[in-house]
Amino acid sequence: MAAERPEIEAALVAQIESLLLDLRARLDRRVAEATGDIVAADELFVLAGQLDAVLRGASEHLHELRLQLDRAARAD
C-alpha cells in the first residue's frame, strides 16, 4: 500500500494544479465579461473573496504542517 502513495499523491497534486489553472482561466474570463456590469462585478468580487479565504486557509494549513515536519525532523 505504501508503494501506491507517491503515485496517488502525484496524481492529487496534478489534479489540484489542473483545477487551479482552470479556476484562474474561468475567473479571468468572468472579469472580462463583468467589465461595465456592476452586478456581475459584485458577484465576482464576492466569489473571489470566498475563494481567497478557502485557498488561504489551505495554504496556511500546509505551511504549518511543513513547519511541524521540519521541527520533528530536526528533533530526531
C-alpha atoms as a PDB file:
ATOM      1  CA  MET A   1       0.000   0.000   0.000  1.00  0.00           C
ATOM      2  CA  ALA A   2       2.805   2.421   0.818  1.00  0.00           C
ATOM      3  CA  ALA A   3       4.174   1.987  -2.714  1.00  0.00           C
ATOM      4  CA  GLU A   4       0.933   3.430  -4.116  1.00  0.00           C
ATOM      5  CA  ARG A   5       1.145   6.640  -2.099  1.00  0.00           C
ATOM      6  CA  PRO A   6       3.649   8.539  -4.250  1.00  0.00           C
ATOM      7  CA  GLU A   7       1.600   7.814  -7.379  1.00  0.00           C
ATOM      8  CA  ILE A   8      -1.653   8.798  -5.683  1.00  0.00           C
ATOM      9  CA  GLU A   9      -0.110  11.928  -4.208  1.00  0.00           C
ATOM     10  CA  ALA A  10       1.436  12.932  -7.533  1.00  0.00           C
ATOM     11  CA  ALA A  11      -1.937  12.466  -9.197  1.00  0.00           C
ATOM     12  CA  LEU A  12      -3.605  14.564  -6.493  1.00  0.00           C
ATOM     13  CA  VAL A  13      -1.099  17.377  -6.951  1.00  0.00           C
ATOM     14  CA  ALA A  14      -1.633  17.246 -10.719  1.00  0.00           C
ATOM     15  CA  GLN A  15      -5.426  17.373 -10.249  1.00  0.00           C
ATOM     16  CA  ILE A  16      -5.197  20.333  -7.888  1.00  0.00           C
ATOM     17  CA  GLU A  17      -2.865  22.150 -10.261  1.00  0.00           C
ATOM     18  CA  SER A  18      -5.253  21.497 -13.150  1.00  0.00           C
ATOM     19  CA  LEU A  19      -8.225  22.722 -11.117  1.00  0.00           C
ATOM     20  CA  LEU A  20      -6.379  25.877 -10.120  1.00  0.00           C
ATOM     21  CA  LEU A  21      -5.391  26.620 -13.710  1.00  0.00           C
ATOM     22  CA  ASP A  22      -8.997  26.078 -14.807  1.00  0.00           C
ATOM     23  CA  LEU A  23     -10.266  28.276 -11.979  1.00  0.00           C
ATOM     24  CA  ARG A  24      -7.843  31.029 -12.918  1.00  0.00           C
ATOM     25  CA  ALA A  25      -8.924  30.899 -16.564  1.00  0.00           C
ATOM     26  CA  ARG A  26     -12.606  30.979 -15.594  1.00  0.00           C
ATOM     27  CA  LEU A  27     -12.096  33.933 -13.276  1.00  0.00           C
ATOM     28  CA  ASP A  28     -10.106  35.800 -15.913  1.00  0.00           C
ATOM     29  CA  ARG A  29     -12.934  35.262 -18.408  1.00  0.00           C
ATOM     30  CA  ARG A  30     -15.518  36.418 -15.890  1.00  0.00           C
ATOM     31  CA  VAL A  31     -13.520  39.558 -15.161  1.00  0.00           C
ATOM     32  CA  ALA A  32     -13.577  40.400 -18.847  1.00  0.00           C
ATOM     33  CA  GLU A  33     -17.314  39.681 -19.007  1.00  0.00           C
ATOM     34  CA  ALA A  34     -18.017  41.703 -15.842  1.00  0.00           C
ATOM     35  CA  THR A  35     -16.418  44.863 -17.153  1.00  0.00           C
ATOM     36  CA  GLY A  36     -19.123  47.502 -17.182  1.00  0.00           C
ATOM     37  CA  ASP A  37     -21.631  45.233 -15.400  1.00  0.00           C
ATOM     38  CA  ILE A  38     -21.757  46.251 -11.753  1.00  0.00           C
ATOM     39  CA  VAL A  39     -23.892  43.268 -10.689  1.00  0.00           C
ATOM     40  CA  ALA A  40     -21.608  40.736 -12.369  1.00  0.00           C
ATOM     41  CA  ALA A  41     -18.561  42.522 -10.963  1.00  0.00           C
ATOM     42  CA  ASP A  42     -20.040  42.420  -7.458  1.00  0.00           C
ATOM     43  CA  GLU A  43     -20.846  38.707  -7.764  1.00  0.00           C
ATOM     44  CA  LEU A  44     -17.321  38.004  -8.947  1.00  0.00           C
ATOM     45  CA  PHE A  45     -15.892  40.121  -6.121  1.00  0.00           C
ATOM     46  CA  VAL A  46     -17.793  38.023  -3.559  1.00  0.00           C
ATOM     47  CA  LEU A  47     -16.728  34.777  -5.240  1.00  0.00           C
ATOM     48  CA  ALA A  48     -13.104  35.907  -5.300  1.00  0.00           C
ATOM     49  CA  GLY A  49     -13.301  36.671  -1.580  1.00  0.00           C
ATOM     50  CA  GLN A  50     -14.713  33.230  -0.822  1.00  0.00           C
ATOM     51  CA  LEU A  51     -12.063  31.518  -2.922  1.00  0.00           C
ATOM     52  CA  ASP A  52      -9.329  33.635  -1.349  1.00  0.00           C
ATOM     53  CA  ALA A  53     -10.427  32.536   2.136  1.00  0.00           C
ATOM     54  CA  VAL A  54     -10.567  28.851   1.167  1.00  0.00           C
ATOM     55  CA  LEU A  55      -7.214  28.873  -0.619  1.00  0.00           C
ATOM     56  CA  ARG A  56      -5.525  30.995   2.063  1.00  0.00           C
ATOM     57  CA  GLY A  57      -6.761  28.580   4.743  1.00  0.00           C
ATOM     58  CA  ALA A  58      -5.385  25.615   2.823  1.00  0.00           C
ATOM     59  CA  SER A  59      -2.089  27.383   2.232  1.00  0.00           C
ATOM     60  CA  GLU A  60      -1.727  28.351   5.892  1.00  0.00           C
ATOM     61  CA  HIS A  61      -2.501  24.780   6.955  1.00  0.00           C
ATOM     62  CA  LEU A  62       0.132  23.399   4.581  1.00  0.00           C
ATOM     63  CA  HIS A  63       2.678  25.958   5.782  1.00  0.00           C
ATOM     64  CA  GLU A  64       2.045  24.973   9.421  1.00  0.00           C
ATOM     65  CA  LEU A  65       2.261  21.287   8.510  1.00  0.00           C
ATOM     66  CA  ARG A  66       5.639  21.827   6.877  1.00  0.00           C
ATOM     67  CA  LEU A  67       6.894  23.728   9.937  1.00  0.00           C
ATOM     68  CA  GLN A  68       5.797  20.851  12.188  1.00  0.00           C
ATOM     69  CA  LEU A  69       7.517  18.309   9.949  1.00  0.00           C
ATOM     70  CA  ASP A  70      10.680  20.413   9.859  1.00  0.00           C
ATOM     71  CA  ARG A  71      10.705  20.722  13.662  1.00  0.00           C
ATOM     72  CA  ALA A  72      10.130  16.964  14.018  1.00  0.00           C
ATOM     73  CA  ALA A  73      12.964  16.178  11.611  1.00  0.00           C
ATOM     74  CA  ARG A  74      15.356  18.482  13.479  1.00  0.00           C
ATOM     75  CA  ALA A  75      14.373  16.972  16.825  1.00  0.00           C
ATOM     76  CA  ASP A  76      15.453  13.492  15.727  1.00  0.00           C
END
